[in-house]
Amino acid sequence: MKYKKHNNKGFTLIELLIVIGIMGVIITAIFSFFISNLKTFNRADDHIQAQNNAQAAMNIIIGDIIGGQGLVRNENNRVVLKISDAKSITYDYDKDDQSISRRDTSEVIARNITDFHVSGNGNGVTITITSEINDAKVSLKNNIYFRNGN
């Protein structure tokens, strides 16, 4: 008598469903890890960009203040610095556009600026610049003194 050999190679439907379920759990865990890291990266990137915006504006304004003679006017979101008897530099802050621009060059020196204050303090000024991108908010404050102040 000959016995027929059955070919039992392969997987049953239940085995395949179990493997698919396990793979689904593993893939979900991996993707949640990546999504969490992506959100953290985006928050850090927003914070760095906000800090760069505020620092870039601060550096330009500080360079002008140090070589200047004084603060001429600070009103209506406009700051006028006296550089010499014949020259002054005006900075305009546009709340709607959230930008600081330099009037003599029509150059926007920073964007995403939510607050800009300059106040005189004797022979110098105190500058406060706040930049905000999404939920990242950075405030910088500096006291600068005029080299050529009167």
C-alpha atoms as a PDB file:
ATOM      1  CA  MET A   1       0.000   0.000   0.000  1.00  0.00           C
ATOM      2  CA  LYS A   2       1.304   3.378  -0.925  1.00  0.00           C
ATOM      3  CA  TYR A   3       0.800   6.288   1.315  1.00  0.00           C
ATOM      4  CA  LYS A   4       0.245   9.640  -0.182  1.00  0.00           C
ATOM      5  CA  LYS A   5       2.392  12.293   1.290  1.00  0.00           C
ATOM      6  CA  HIS A   6       0.569  15.554   1.961  1.00  0.00           C
ATOM      7  CA  ASN A   7       2.384  18.762   1.266  1.00  0.00           C
ATOM      8  CA  ASN A   8       1.909  20.709   4.528  1.00  0.00           C
ATOM      9  CA  LYS A   9       4.332  23.494   3.681  1.00  0.00           C
ATOM     10  CA  GLY A  10       3.113  27.055   4.173  1.00  0.00           C
ATOM     11  CA  PHE A  11       1.251  29.008   6.801  1.00  0.00           C
ATOM     12  CA  THR A  12      -2.292  28.787   7.981  1.00  0.00           C
ATOM     13  CA  LEU A  13      -4.606  31.784   7.872  1.00  0.00           C
ATOM     14  CA  ILE A  14      -4.465  32.163  11.654  1.00  0.00           C
ATOM     15  CA  GLU A  15      -0.660  32.250  11.638  1.00  0.00           C
ATOM     16  CA  LEU A  16      -0.689  34.966   8.980  1.00  0.00           C
ATOM     17  CA  LEU A  17      -3.246  37.049  10.916  1.00  0.00           C
ATOM     18  CA  ILE A  18      -1.156  36.804  14.101  1.00  0.00           C
ATOM     19  CA  VAL A  19       1.988  37.909  12.264  1.00  0.00           C
ATOM     20  CA  ILE A  20       0.122  40.824  10.646  1.00  0.00           C
ATOM     21  CA  GLY A  21      -1.182  41.891  14.065  1.00  0.00           C
ATOM     22  CA  ILE A  22       2.282  41.757  15.645  1.00  0.00           C
ATOM     23  CA  MET A  23       3.780  43.701  12.723  1.00  0.00           C
ATOM     24  CA  GLY A  24       1.029  46.309  13.067  1.00  0.00           C
ATOM     25  CA  VAL A  25       1.867  46.859  16.738  1.00  0.00           C
ATOM     26  CA  ILE A  26       5.606  47.148  15.979  1.00  0.00           C
ATOM     27  CA  ILE A  27       5.088  49.564  13.076  1.00  0.00           C
ATOM     28  CA  THR A  28       2.718  51.701  15.169  1.00  0.00           C
ATOM     29  CA  ALA A  29       5.339  51.956  17.936  1.00  0.00           C
ATOM     30  CA  ILE A  30       8.059  52.913  15.448  1.00  0.00           C
ATOM     31  CA  PHE A  31       5.924  55.573  13.740  1.00  0.00           C
ATOM     32  CA  SER A  32       4.813  57.094  17.047  1.00  0.00           C
ATOM     33  CA  PHE A  33       8.499  57.390  17.997  1.00  0.00           C
ATOM     34  CA  PHE A  34       9.309  59.142  14.696  1.00  0.00           C
ATOM     35  CA  ILE A  35       6.304  61.462  14.925  1.00  0.00           C
ATOM     36  CA  SER A  36       7.254  62.441  18.489  1.00  0.00           C
ATOM     37  CA  ASN A  37      10.821  63.188  17.392  1.00  0.00           C
ATOM     38  CA  LEU A  38       9.579  65.194  14.396  1.00  0.00           C
ATOM     39  CA  LYS A  39       7.406  67.379  16.645  1.00  0.00           C
ATOM     40  CA  THR A  40      10.342  67.958  18.996  1.00  0.00           C
ATOM     41  CA  PHE A  41      12.577  68.850  16.046  1.00  0.00           C
ATOM     42  CA  ASN A  42      10.005  71.327  14.678  1.00  0.00           C
ATOM     43  CA  ARG A  43       9.628  73.035  18.084  1.00  0.00           C
ATOM     44  CA  ALA A  44      13.399  73.329  18.419  1.00  0.00           C
ATOM     45  CA  ASP A  45      13.692  74.654  14.862  1.00  0.00           C
ATOM     46  CA  ASP A  46      11.014  77.301  15.548  1.00  0.00           C
ATOM     47  CA  HIS A  47      12.862  78.357  18.706  1.00  0.00           C
ATOM     48  CA  ILE A  48      16.173  78.635  16.838  1.00  0.00           C
ATOM     49  CA  GLN A  49      14.581  80.675  14.040  1.00  0.00           C
ATOM     50  CA  ALA A  50      12.903  83.011  16.533  1.00  0.00           C
ATOM     51  CA  GLN A  51      16.226  83.491  18.319  1.00  0.00           C
ATOM     52  CA  ASN A  52      18.036  84.126  15.021  1.00  0.00           C
ATOM     53  CA  ASN A  53      15.451  86.746  13.987  1.00  0.00           C
ATOM     54  CA  ALA A  54      15.729  88.644  17.265  1.00  0.00           C
ATOM     55  CA  GLN A  55      19.539  88.363  17.392  1.00  0.00           C
ATOM     56  CA  ALA A  56      19.987  89.527  13.780  1.00  0.00           C
ATOM     57  CA  ALA A  57      17.928  92.658  14.425  1.00  0.00           C
ATOM     58  CA  MET A  58      19.691  93.265  17.741  1.00  0.00           C
ATOM     59  CA  ASN A  59      23.158  92.987  16.143  1.00  0.00           C
ATOM     60  CA  ILE A  60      22.362  95.479  13.383  1.00  0.00           C
ATOM     61  CA  ILE A  61      20.807  98.000  15.747  1.00  0.00           C
ATOM     62  CA  ILE A  62      23.629  97.633  18.296  1.00  0.00           C
ATOM     63  CA  GLY A  63      26.208  98.299  15.580  1.00  0.00           C
ATOM     64  CA  ASP A  64      24.475 101.570  14.737  1.00  0.00           C
ATOM     65  CA  ILE A  65      23.944 102.600  18.351  1.00  0.00           C
ATOM     66  CA  ILE A  66      27.533 102.057  19.444  1.00  0.00           C
ATOM     67  CA  GLY A  67      28.860 104.381  16.737  1.00  0.00           C
ATOM     68  CA  GLY A  68      26.042 106.862  17.222  1.00  0.00           C
ATOM     69  CA  GLN A  69      25.627 109.976  19.313  1.00  0.00           C
ATOM     70  CA  GLY A  70      22.187 109.518  20.806  1.00  0.00           C
ATOM     71  CA  LEU A  71      18.548 108.639  20.623  1.00  0.00           C
ATOM     72  CA  VAL A  72      16.643 111.388  18.813  1.00  0.00           C
ATOM     73  CA  ARG A  73      13.092 110.074  18.853  1.00  0.00           C
ATOM     74  CA  ASN A  74      11.263 106.987  20.032  1.00  0.00           C
ATOM     75  CA  GLU A  75       7.553 107.156  19.262  1.00  0.00           C
ATOM     76  CA  ASN A  76       4.796 105.470  17.259  1.00  0.00           C
ATOM     77  CA  ASN A  77       6.881 102.349  16.605  1.00  0.00           C
ATOM     78  CA  ARG A  78       9.689 104.453  15.142  1.00  0.00           C
ATOM     79  CA  VAL A  79      13.175 104.839  16.584  1.00  0.00           C
ATOM     80  CA  VAL A  80      15.531 107.531  15.273  1.00  0.00           C
ATOM     81  CA  LEU A  81      19.230 107.342  16.176  1.00  0.00           C
ATOM     82  CA  LYS A  82      21.604 110.278  15.712  1.00  0.00           C
ATOM     83  CA  ILE A  83      24.768 108.960  14.078  1.00  0.00           C
ATOM     84  CA  SER A  84      26.425 112.304  13.385  1.00  0.00           C
ATOM     85  CA  ASP A  85      25.323 115.911  13.013  1.00  0.00           C
ATOM     86  CA  ALA A  86      24.425 115.225   9.381  1.00  0.00           C
ATOM     87  CA  LYS A  87      23.136 111.652   9.583  1.00  0.00           C
ATOM     88  CA  SER A  88      20.469 109.728  11.439  1.00  0.00           C
ATOM     89  CA  ILE A  89      19.102 106.211  11.093  1.00  0.00           C
ATOM     90  CA  THR A  90      15.421 105.412  11.469  1.00  0.00           C
ATOM     91  CA  TYR A  91      14.032 102.002  12.390  1.00  0.00           C
ATOM     92  CA  ASP A  92      10.334 101.305  11.859  1.00  0.00           C
ATOM     93  CA  TYR A  93       8.460  98.534  13.617  1.00  0.00           C
ATOM     94  CA  ASP A  94       5.376  97.258  11.751  1.00  0.00           C
ATOM     95  CA  LYS A  95       3.119  95.387  14.195  1.00  0.00           C
ATOM     96  CA  ASP A  96       0.857  94.042  11.449  1.00  0.00           C
ATOM     97  CA  ASP A  97       3.722  92.695   9.350  1.00  0.00           C
ATOM     98  CA  GLN A  98       5.718  91.825  12.509  1.00  0.00           C
ATOM     99  CA  SER A  99       8.899  93.262  11.057  1.00  0.00           C
ATOM    100  CA  ILE A 100      11.608  95.816  11.796  1.00  0.00           C
ATOM    101  CA  SER A 101      12.910  97.775   8.838  1.00  0.00           C
ATOM    102  CA  ARG A 102      15.626 100.329   8.351  1.00  0.00           C
ATOM    103  CA  ARG A 103      14.186 103.366   6.615  1.00  0.00           C
ATOM    104  CA  ASP A 104      17.314 104.653   4.819  1.00  0.00           C
ATOM    105  CA  THR A 105      17.856 101.341   2.991  1.00  0.00           C
ATOM    106  CA  SER A 106      14.200 100.145   2.956  1.00  0.00           C
ATOM    107  CA  GLU A 107      15.624  96.859   4.193  1.00  0.00           C
ATOM    108  CA  VAL A 108      13.619  94.568   6.441  1.00  0.00           C
ATOM    109  CA  ILE A 109      16.169  93.511   9.040  1.00  0.00           C
ATOM    110  CA  ALA A 110      13.944  91.028  10.912  1.00  0.00           C
ATOM    111  CA  ARG A 111      10.588  89.292  10.615  1.00  0.00           C
ATOM    112  CA  ASN A 112       8.317  87.553  13.142  1.00  0.00           C
ATOM    113  CA  ILE A 113       9.024  90.313  15.678  1.00  0.00           C
ATOM    114  CA  THR A 114       6.097  90.611  18.094  1.00  0.00           C
ATOM    115  CA  ASP A 115       7.559  93.354  20.301  1.00  0.00           C
ATOM    116  CA  PHE A 116      10.187  96.070  19.869  1.00  0.00           C
ATOM    117  CA  HIS A 117      11.033  98.683  22.502  1.00  0.00           C
ATOM    118  CA  VAL A 118      13.880 101.156  22.768  1.00  0.00           C
ATOM    119  CA  SER A 119      14.239 103.429  25.773  1.00  0.00           C
ATOM    120  CA  GLY A 120      16.936 105.928  26.680  1.00  0.00           C
ATOM    121  CA  ASN A 121      19.025 105.360  29.801  1.00  0.00           C
ATOM    122  CA  GLY A 122      21.446 108.258  30.112  1.00  0.00           C
ATOM    123  CA  ASN A 123      24.297 107.828  27.645  1.00  0.00           C
ATOM    124  CA  GLY A 124      22.765 104.815  25.938  1.00  0.00           C
ATOM    125  CA  VAL A 125      19.609 102.840  25.315  1.00  0.00           C
ATOM    126  CA  THR A 126      17.886  99.667  26.424  1.00  0.00           C
ATOM    127  CA  ILE A 127      16.581  97.542  23.563  1.00  0.00           C
ATOM    128  CA  THR A 128      14.029  94.765  23.952  1.00  0.00           C
ATOM    129  CA  ILE A 129      13.150  92.593  20.958  1.00  0.00           C
ATOM    130  CA  THR A 130      10.711  89.671  21.091  1.00  0.00           C
ATOM    131  CA  SER A 131      10.393  87.196  18.245  1.00  0.00           C
ATOM    132  CA  GLU A 132       7.718  84.530  18.068  1.00  0.00           C
ATOM    133  CA  ILE A 133       7.287  81.670  15.618  1.00  0.00           C
ATOM    134  CA  ASN A 134       4.378  79.308  16.291  1.00  0.00           C
ATOM    135  CA  ASP A 135       4.701  78.527  20.020  1.00  0.00           C
ATOM    136  CA  ALA A 136       8.398  79.447  20.282  1.00  0.00           C
ATOM    137  CA  LYS A 137       8.947  82.860  21.854  1.00  0.00           C
ATOM    138  CA  VAL A 138      12.341  84.494  22.466  1.00  0.00           C
ATOM    139  CA  SER A 139      12.957  87.864  24.137  1.00  0.00           C
ATOM    140  CA  LEU A 140      16.319  89.629  24.020  1.00  0.00           C
ATOM    141  CA  LYS A 141      17.230  92.674  26.082  1.00  0.00           C
ATOM    142  CA  ASN A 142      20.438  94.706  25.838  1.00  0.00           C
ATOM    143  CA  ASN A 143      21.796  97.888  27.393  1.00  0.00           C
ATOM    144  CA  ILE A 144      24.035  99.706  24.920  1.00  0.00           C
ATOM    145  CA  TYR A 145      26.017 102.899  25.414  1.00  0.00           C
ATOM    146  CA  PHE A 146      26.947 105.436  22.749  1.00  0.00           C
ATOM    147  CA  ARG A 147      30.693 105.758  22.102  1.00  0.00           C
ATOM    148  CA  ASN A 148      30.267 109.210  20.638  1.00  0.00           C
ATOM    149  CA  GLY A 149      27.464 110.388  22.895  1.00  0.00           C
ATOM    150  CA  ASN A 150      27.182 114.008  23.906  1.00  0.00           C
END
